[in-house]
Amino acid sequence: MNPVQTIRLGVIADTHGLFDPAIARHFHGVDHIIHVGDIGNRSVIEQLQTIAPVTAVSGNVDGYEESGFPVEAVITLNGFRIEIRHIVFEAGKLTKEGRAFLDRTQPDICIFGHTHQPKNEWLGDTLLFNPRRSPGYSRTS
C-alpha cells in the first residue's frame, strides 16, 4: 500500500490583474497553485509560477478562450479528481451550466471562483470550494 503524500495546494481566484504581495507570503511552500479565473493579466500567472507550478482557467473577465487559458481543467492529486471552472455558482445559486458541468464531470472536488464569496460544502459526493476573492482586491481597484 502506497502512503498518501501530503501536498500543499494554493488556491486563488479573481485576482483581476492584481498580484498582491500577500499572495507570495501565503503561498510560500505550496506544491501547486490553482487559479480559478478572472486572472486579469498574464503577469499574475507568471508571478505565481515563481512560487510553484500553476493550473489556471479563464474567467469572464479574461474573455474565456481569448485569454489562452482553458475554460475548464482537471488535475488529479492524491487520487482525487479536481475539476476547475470559474463559474459554477452565481447570485448564491448553482447555475444550470454549473449543474451540467458537475453532472458531466462528477469530480471529487470542484474548485471555482466568480462569486467572491467563500464556499466549502458538500453537494452529494463532491466537495465544492471557492477561495473567495484574491487578497488585496477591492471593487475600487
N, C-alpha and C. Protein backbone atom coordinates (compact mmCIF):
# COMPACT_ATOMS: atom_id res chain seq x y z
N MET A 1 0.84 -1.18 0.00
CA MET A 1 0.00 0.00 0.00
C MET A 1 0.89 1.25 0.00
N ASN A 2 0.62 2.17 -0.92
CA ASN A 2 1.39 3.40 -1.01
C ASN A 2 0.86 4.43 -0.02
N PRO A 3 1.76 5.04 0.74
CA PRO A 3 1.29 6.09 1.66
C PRO A 3 0.84 7.32 0.88
N VAL A 4 -0.12 8.03 1.43
CA VAL A 4 -0.60 9.26 0.80
C VAL A 4 0.43 10.35 1.05
N GLN A 5 0.82 11.03 0.00
CA GLN A 5 1.78 12.11 0.10
C GLN A 5 1.03 13.40 0.46
N THR A 6 1.57 14.16 1.38
CA THR A 6 0.98 15.44 1.74
C THR A 6 1.34 16.46 0.66
N ILE A 7 0.32 17.13 0.15
CA ILE A 7 0.51 18.16 -0.86
C ILE A 7 -0.11 19.44 -0.34
N ARG A 8 0.67 20.51 -0.39
CA ARG A 8 0.15 21.84 -0.02
C ARG A 8 -0.31 22.52 -1.30
N LEU A 9 -1.59 22.84 -1.34
CA LEU A 9 -2.21 23.41 -2.52
C LEU A 9 -2.61 24.85 -2.24
N GLY A 10 -2.19 25.76 -3.10
CA GLY A 10 -2.62 27.15 -3.01
C GLY A 10 -3.73 27.39 -4.00
N VAL A 11 -4.84 27.93 -3.55
CA VAL A 11 -6.00 28.18 -4.42
C VAL A 11 -6.32 29.66 -4.38
N ILE A 12 -6.49 30.24 -5.57
CA ILE A 12 -6.76 31.68 -5.67
C ILE A 12 -7.72 31.91 -6.83
N ALA A 13 -8.52 32.95 -6.71
CA ALA A 13 -9.47 33.31 -7.76
C ALA A 13 -9.61 34.82 -7.82
N ASP A 14 -10.05 35.29 -8.96
CA ASP A 14 -10.48 36.68 -9.09
C ASP A 14 -9.40 37.69 -8.70
N THR A 15 -8.21 37.52 -9.26
CA THR A 15 -7.15 38.49 -8.99
C THR A 15 -7.36 39.78 -9.78
N HIS A 16 -8.07 39.70 -10.89
CA HIS A 16 -8.41 40.88 -11.69
C HIS A 16 -7.17 41.73 -12.02
N GLY A 17 -6.06 41.06 -12.31
CA GLY A 17 -4.84 41.74 -12.72
C GLY A 17 -3.93 42.19 -11.59
N LEU A 18 -4.32 41.94 -10.35
CA LEU A 18 -3.56 42.41 -9.20
C LEU A 18 -2.83 41.25 -8.53
N PHE A 19 -1.51 41.36 -8.41
CA PHE A 19 -0.74 40.38 -7.64
C PHE A 19 -0.33 41.06 -6.34
N ASP A 20 -1.13 40.84 -5.32
CA ASP A 20 -0.86 41.43 -4.01
C ASP A 20 0.35 40.73 -3.39
N PRO A 21 1.29 41.45 -2.77
CA PRO A 21 2.45 40.82 -2.14
C PRO A 21 2.08 39.77 -1.08
N ALA A 22 0.90 39.87 -0.51
CA ALA A 22 0.46 38.89 0.49
C ALA A 22 0.33 37.50 -0.12
N ILE A 23 0.08 37.42 -1.42
CA ILE A 23 -0.06 36.13 -2.08
C ILE A 23 1.22 35.31 -1.91
N ALA A 24 2.36 35.91 -2.18
CA ALA A 24 3.64 35.20 -2.06
C ALA A 24 3.86 34.70 -0.63
N ARG A 25 3.50 35.51 0.32
CA ARG A 25 3.64 35.11 1.73
C ARG A 25 2.72 33.94 2.07
N HIS A 26 1.47 34.03 1.65
CA HIS A 26 0.50 32.96 1.96
C HIS A 26 0.82 31.67 1.22
N PHE A 27 1.38 31.77 0.03
CA PHE A 27 1.64 30.58 -0.78
C PHE A 27 3.07 30.05 -0.62
N HIS A 28 3.86 30.64 0.25
CA HIS A 28 5.22 30.15 0.48
C HIS A 28 5.18 28.68 0.89
N GLY A 29 5.87 27.84 0.15
CA GLY A 29 5.96 26.42 0.47
C GLY A 29 4.87 25.56 -0.14
N VAL A 30 3.95 26.13 -0.94
CA VAL A 30 2.94 25.28 -1.57
C VAL A 30 3.58 24.47 -2.70
N ASP A 31 2.98 23.33 -2.99
CA ASP A 31 3.48 22.45 -4.05
C ASP A 31 2.85 22.73 -5.40
N HIS A 32 1.65 23.28 -5.39
CA HIS A 32 0.92 23.54 -6.63
C HIS A 32 -0.07 24.68 -6.36
N ILE A 33 -0.32 25.48 -7.39
CA ILE A 33 -1.27 26.58 -7.28
C ILE A 33 -2.36 26.41 -8.32
N ILE A 34 -3.60 26.63 -7.89
CA ILE A 34 -4.74 26.64 -8.81
C ILE A 34 -5.29 28.06 -8.84
N HIS A 35 -5.39 28.62 -10.04
CA HIS A 35 -6.03 29.93 -10.21
C HIS A 35 -7.34 29.68 -10.94
N VAL A 36 -8.45 30.08 -10.31
CA VAL A 36 -9.77 29.71 -10.79
C VAL A 36 -10.42 30.82 -11.62
N GLY A 37 -9.63 31.57 -12.35
CA GLY A 37 -10.19 32.50 -13.32
C GLY A 37 -10.34 33.93 -12.84
N ASP A 38 -10.66 34.78 -13.83
CA ASP A 38 -10.61 36.23 -13.70
C ASP A 38 -9.20 36.64 -13.28
N ILE A 39 -8.26 36.15 -14.06
CA ILE A 39 -6.84 36.40 -13.85
C ILE A 39 -6.57 37.89 -14.06
N GLY A 40 -7.05 38.41 -15.18
CA GLY A 40 -6.93 39.83 -15.45
C GLY A 40 -5.68 40.23 -16.20
N ASN A 41 -4.57 39.55 -15.95
CA ASN A 41 -3.32 39.88 -16.63
C ASN A 41 -2.39 38.67 -16.51
N ARG A 42 -1.80 38.28 -17.63
CA ARG A 42 -0.92 37.11 -17.65
C ARG A 42 0.24 37.23 -16.66
N SER A 43 0.63 38.45 -16.32
CA SER A 43 1.74 38.64 -15.37
C SER A 43 1.41 38.04 -14.00
N VAL A 44 0.13 37.96 -13.65
CA VAL A 44 -0.26 37.33 -12.38
C VAL A 44 0.16 35.87 -12.39
N ILE A 45 -0.10 35.17 -13.49
CA ILE A 45 0.27 33.76 -13.59
C ILE A 45 1.79 33.63 -13.59
N GLU A 46 2.48 34.51 -14.29
CA GLU A 46 3.95 34.46 -14.31
C GLU A 46 4.52 34.62 -12.91
N GLN A 47 3.95 35.51 -12.11
CA GLN A 47 4.42 35.69 -10.75
C GLN A 47 4.10 34.47 -9.88
N LEU A 48 2.92 33.89 -10.07
CA LEU A 48 2.57 32.67 -9.33
C LEU A 48 3.52 31.53 -9.68
N GLN A 49 3.92 31.44 -10.94
CA GLN A 49 4.82 30.37 -11.39
C GLN A 49 6.19 30.45 -10.74
N THR A 50 6.56 31.61 -10.20
CA THR A 50 7.83 31.70 -9.48
C THR A 50 7.73 31.04 -8.11
N ILE A 51 6.50 30.77 -7.67
CA ILE A 51 6.27 30.15 -6.36
C ILE A 51 6.12 28.64 -6.51
N ALA A 52 5.30 28.20 -7.48
CA ALA A 52 5.00 26.77 -7.67
C ALA A 52 4.35 26.59 -9.04
N PRO A 53 4.28 25.35 -9.53
CA PRO A 53 3.55 25.10 -10.78
C PRO A 53 2.10 25.57 -10.64
N VAL A 54 1.54 26.06 -11.75
CA VAL A 54 0.20 26.65 -11.74
C VAL A 54 -0.70 25.95 -12.75
N THR A 55 -1.92 25.65 -12.31
CA THR A 55 -3.00 25.27 -13.21
C THR A 55 -4.00 26.41 -13.15
N ALA A 56 -4.34 26.97 -14.32
CA ALA A 56 -5.24 28.13 -14.35
C ALA A 56 -6.32 27.94 -15.40
N VAL A 57 -7.49 28.48 -15.10
CA VAL A 57 -8.58 28.55 -16.07
C VAL A 57 -8.96 30.01 -16.24
N SER A 58 -9.59 30.29 -17.35
CA SER A 58 -10.01 31.66 -17.62
C SER A 58 -11.38 31.92 -17.01
N GLY A 59 -11.68 33.18 -16.85
CA GLY A 59 -12.99 33.59 -16.35
C GLY A 59 -13.60 34.62 -17.26
N ASN A 60 -14.74 35.14 -16.88
CA ASN A 60 -15.44 36.11 -17.72
C ASN A 60 -14.62 37.38 -17.94
N VAL A 61 -13.85 37.81 -16.95
CA VAL A 61 -13.00 39.00 -17.11
C VAL A 61 -11.90 38.75 -18.14
N ASP A 62 -11.49 37.49 -18.28
CA ASP A 62 -10.39 37.12 -19.17
C ASP A 62 -10.84 36.92 -20.62
N GLY A 63 -12.13 36.95 -20.88
CA GLY A 63 -12.61 36.68 -22.23
C GLY A 63 -12.60 35.20 -22.56
N TYR A 64 -12.56 34.36 -21.55
CA TYR A 64 -12.56 32.90 -21.71
C TYR A 64 -11.47 32.46 -22.68
N GLU A 65 -11.81 31.81 -23.79
CA GLU A 65 -10.80 31.24 -24.69
C GLU A 65 -9.82 32.29 -25.23
N GLU A 66 -10.27 33.54 -25.34
CA GLU A 66 -9.40 34.61 -25.84
C GLU A 66 -8.15 34.78 -24.98
N SER A 67 -8.21 34.37 -23.72
CA SER A 67 -7.10 34.56 -22.80
C SER A 67 -5.95 33.59 -23.04
N GLY A 68 -6.24 32.50 -23.73
CA GLY A 68 -5.23 31.46 -23.91
C GLY A 68 -5.26 30.41 -22.81
N PHE A 69 -6.11 30.62 -21.80
CA PHE A 69 -6.29 29.63 -20.73
C PHE A 69 -7.59 28.88 -20.99
N PRO A 70 -7.66 27.61 -20.62
CA PRO A 70 -8.89 26.85 -20.86
C PRO A 70 -10.02 27.33 -19.95
N VAL A 71 -11.24 27.01 -20.34
CA VAL A 71 -12.41 27.35 -19.53
C VAL A 71 -12.54 26.37 -18.36
N GLU A 72 -12.10 25.14 -18.58
CA GLU A 72 -12.15 24.10 -17.55
C GLU A 72 -10.81 23.37 -17.53
N ALA A 73 -10.47 22.83 -16.39
CA ALA A 73 -9.26 22.00 -16.28
C ALA A 73 -9.53 20.91 -15.25
N VAL A 74 -8.78 19.84 -15.36
CA VAL A 74 -8.86 18.76 -14.39
C VAL A 74 -7.45 18.37 -13.99
N ILE A 75 -7.25 18.17 -12.70
CA ILE A 75 -6.00 17.62 -12.21
C ILE A 75 -6.35 16.52 -11.22
N THR A 76 -5.44 15.61 -11.05
CA THR A 76 -5.61 14.55 -10.06
C THR A 76 -4.47 14.65 -9.07
N LEU A 77 -4.81 14.80 -7.79
CA LEU A 77 -3.82 14.87 -6.73
C LEU A 77 -4.21 13.88 -5.65
N ASN A 78 -3.27 13.04 -5.26
CA ASN A 78 -3.51 12.02 -4.22
C ASN A 78 -4.76 11.19 -4.50
N GLY A 79 -5.01 10.95 -5.78
CA GLY A 79 -6.14 10.12 -6.17
C GLY A 79 -7.47 10.85 -6.22
N PHE A 80 -7.49 12.16 -5.94
CA PHE A 80 -8.71 12.94 -6.01
C PHE A 80 -8.78 13.66 -7.35
N ARG A 81 -9.91 13.51 -8.02
CA ARG A 81 -10.14 14.21 -9.29
C ARG A 81 -10.67 15.61 -8.95
N ILE A 82 -9.91 16.62 -9.33
CA ILE A 82 -10.26 18.01 -9.04
C ILE A 82 -10.60 18.72 -10.35
N GLU A 83 -11.83 19.16 -10.46
CA GLU A 83 -12.29 19.91 -11.63
C GLU A 83 -12.27 21.40 -11.28
N ILE A 84 -11.82 22.18 -12.24
CA ILE A 84 -11.65 23.61 -12.02
C ILE A 84 -12.43 24.37 -13.09
N ARG A 85 -13.26 25.31 -12.66
CA ARG A 85 -14.07 26.10 -13.58
C ARG A 85 -14.40 27.41 -12.88
N HIS A 86 -14.40 28.51 -13.60
CA HIS A 86 -14.63 29.81 -12.97
C HIS A 86 -16.06 29.96 -12.45
N ILE A 87 -17.05 29.78 -13.31
CA ILE A 87 -18.44 29.99 -12.88
C ILE A 87 -19.14 28.65 -12.69
N VAL A 88 -19.55 28.41 -11.46
CA VAL A 88 -20.39 27.27 -11.11
C VAL A 88 -21.62 27.79 -10.36
N PHE A 89 -21.40 28.80 -9.55
CA PHE A 89 -22.48 29.47 -8.81
C PHE A 89 -22.57 30.92 -9.28
N GLU A 90 -23.77 31.47 -9.17
CA GLU A 90 -23.97 32.89 -9.43
C GLU A 90 -25.14 33.35 -8.58
N ALA A 91 -25.01 34.51 -7.98
CA ALA A 91 -26.06 35.06 -7.11
C ALA A 91 -26.47 34.06 -6.03
N GLY A 92 -25.47 33.32 -5.51
CA GLY A 92 -25.71 32.39 -4.42
C GLY A 92 -26.34 31.07 -4.81
N LYS A 93 -26.53 30.83 -6.11
CA LYS A 93 -27.19 29.60 -6.56
C LYS A 93 -26.35 28.88 -7.60
N LEU A 94 -26.44 27.56 -7.57
CA LEU A 94 -25.80 26.73 -8.58
C LEU A 94 -26.45 27.05 -9.92
N THR A 95 -25.64 27.40 -10.91
CA THR A 95 -26.19 27.73 -12.23
C THR A 95 -26.58 26.46 -12.97
N LYS A 96 -27.40 26.62 -13.98
CA LYS A 96 -27.80 25.49 -14.83
C LYS A 96 -26.56 24.87 -15.48
N GLU A 97 -25.66 25.74 -15.96
CA GLU A 97 -24.42 25.27 -16.58
C GLU A 97 -23.51 24.61 -15.53
N GLY A 98 -23.50 25.17 -14.32
CA GLY A 98 -22.72 24.58 -13.24
C GLY A 98 -23.19 23.18 -12.89
N ARG A 99 -24.51 23.00 -12.82
CA ARG A 99 -25.08 21.68 -12.53
C ARG A 99 -24.73 20.70 -13.65
N ALA A 100 -24.84 21.14 -14.90
CA ALA A 100 -24.50 20.28 -16.03
C ALA A 100 -23.02 19.90 -15.99
N PHE A 101 -22.17 20.86 -15.64
CA PHE A 101 -20.73 20.62 -15.51
C PHE A 101 -20.46 19.55 -14.45
N LEU A 102 -21.07 19.69 -13.28
CA LEU A 102 -20.87 18.73 -12.20
C LEU A 102 -21.42 17.35 -12.57
N ASP A 103 -22.58 17.32 -13.21
CA ASP A 103 -23.15 16.04 -13.64
C ASP A 103 -22.27 15.36 -14.68
N ARG A 104 -21.69 16.15 -15.58
CA ARG A 104 -20.85 15.61 -16.65
C ARG A 104 -19.51 15.12 -16.12
N THR A 105 -18.90 15.88 -15.23
CA THR A 105 -17.53 15.57 -14.80
C THR A 105 -17.46 14.70 -13.55
N GLN A 106 -18.46 14.79 -12.68
CA GLN A 106 -18.52 14.02 -11.43
C GLN A 106 -17.20 14.04 -10.67
N PRO A 107 -16.71 15.23 -10.33
CA PRO A 107 -15.43 15.34 -9.62
C PRO A 107 -15.54 14.99 -8.15
N ASP A 108 -14.40 14.67 -7.56
CA ASP A 108 -14.34 14.55 -6.10
C ASP A 108 -14.39 15.94 -5.48
N ILE A 109 -13.70 16.87 -6.14
CA ILE A 109 -13.62 18.25 -5.66
C ILE A 109 -13.86 19.18 -6.85
N CYS A 110 -14.67 20.20 -6.67
CA CYS A 110 -14.87 21.24 -7.68
C CYS A 110 -14.42 22.55 -7.07
N ILE A 111 -13.43 23.17 -7.72
CA ILE A 111 -12.93 24.47 -7.26
C ILE A 111 -13.38 25.52 -8.26
N PHE A 112 -13.97 26.59 -7.76
CA PHE A 112 -14.50 27.62 -8.64
C PHE A 112 -14.31 29.00 -8.01
N GLY A 113 -14.61 30.03 -8.77
CA GLY A 113 -14.49 31.41 -8.30
C GLY A 113 -15.74 32.19 -8.64
N HIS A 114 -15.56 33.39 -9.13
CA HIS A 114 -16.58 34.28 -9.68
C HIS A 114 -17.42 35.01 -8.64
N THR A 115 -17.89 34.34 -7.62
CA THR A 115 -18.84 34.97 -6.69
C THR A 115 -18.18 35.87 -5.66
N HIS A 116 -16.87 35.73 -5.48
CA HIS A 116 -16.12 36.46 -4.45
C HIS A 116 -16.61 36.11 -3.05
N GLN A 117 -17.30 34.99 -2.93
CA GLN A 117 -17.81 34.51 -1.64
C GLN A 117 -17.20 33.15 -1.34
N PRO A 118 -16.67 32.96 -0.14
CA PRO A 118 -16.08 31.65 0.17
C PRO A 118 -17.15 30.56 0.24
N LYS A 119 -16.77 29.37 -0.15
CA LYS A 119 -17.66 28.21 -0.05
C LYS A 119 -16.81 26.99 0.20
N ASN A 120 -17.25 26.17 1.12
CA ASN A 120 -16.60 24.91 1.43
C ASN A 120 -17.70 23.98 1.94
N GLU A 121 -18.38 23.32 0.99
CA GLU A 121 -19.51 22.47 1.37
C GLU A 121 -19.65 21.31 0.39
N TRP A 122 -20.40 20.33 0.84
CA TRP A 122 -20.61 19.12 0.03
C TRP A 122 -21.91 19.25 -0.76
N LEU A 123 -21.86 18.79 -2.00
CA LEU A 123 -23.04 18.60 -2.84
C LEU A 123 -22.98 17.15 -3.27
N GLY A 124 -23.72 16.31 -2.60
CA GLY A 124 -23.61 14.87 -2.84
C GLY A 124 -22.22 14.41 -2.46
N ASP A 125 -21.53 13.76 -3.39
CA ASP A 125 -20.17 13.26 -3.15
C ASP A 125 -19.08 14.23 -3.58
N THR A 126 -19.46 15.44 -3.96
CA THR A 126 -18.50 16.42 -4.45
C THR A 126 -18.30 17.54 -3.44
N LEU A 127 -17.05 17.81 -3.11
CA LEU A 127 -16.72 18.96 -2.27
C LEU A 127 -16.64 20.19 -3.16
N LEU A 128 -17.42 21.21 -2.85
CA LEU A 128 -17.40 22.47 -3.57
C LEU A 128 -16.55 23.46 -2.79
N PHE A 129 -15.59 24.09 -3.48
CA PHE A 129 -14.70 25.02 -2.79
C PHE A 129 -14.49 26.27 -3.62
N ASN A 130 -14.73 27.41 -2.99
CA ASN A 130 -14.44 28.71 -3.58
C ASN A 130 -13.58 29.46 -2.56
N PRO A 131 -12.37 29.90 -2.96
CA PRO A 131 -11.49 30.58 -2.00
C PRO A 131 -11.91 32.01 -1.69
N ARG A 132 -12.88 32.54 -2.37
CA ARG A 132 -13.38 33.92 -2.37
C ARG A 132 -12.52 34.76 -3.29
N ARG A 133 -12.42 36.02 -3.09
CA ARG A 133 -11.61 36.86 -3.98
C ARG A 133 -10.17 36.91 -3.50
N SER A 134 -9.32 37.40 -4.37
CA SER A 134 -7.89 37.48 -4.08
C SER A 134 -7.59 38.48 -2.97
N PRO A 135 -6.51 38.24 -2.21
CA PRO A 135 -6.06 39.26 -1.25
C PRO A 135 -5.75 40.57 -1.98
N GLY A 136 -6.11 41.66 -1.40
CA GLY A 136 -5.79 42.96 -1.98
C GLY A 136 -6.79 43.49 -2.97
N TYR A 137 -7.70 42.63 -3.44
CA TYR A 137 -8.67 43.09 -4.43
C TYR A 137 -9.80 43.83 -3.74
N SER A 138 -10.20 44.92 -4.34
CA SER A 138 -11.40 45.61 -3.88
C SER A 138 -12.13 46.11 -5.11
N ARG A 139 -13.38 46.44 -4.97
CA ARG A 139 -14.17 46.92 -6.10
C ARG A 139 -13.61 48.22 -6.67
N THR A 140 -12.82 48.95 -5.90
CA THR A 140 -12.27 50.21 -6.37
C THR A 140 -10.94 50.03 -7.07
N SER A 141 -10.36 48.82 -7.02
CA SER A 141 -9.05 48.64 -7.69
C SER A 141 -9.22 48.02 -9.05
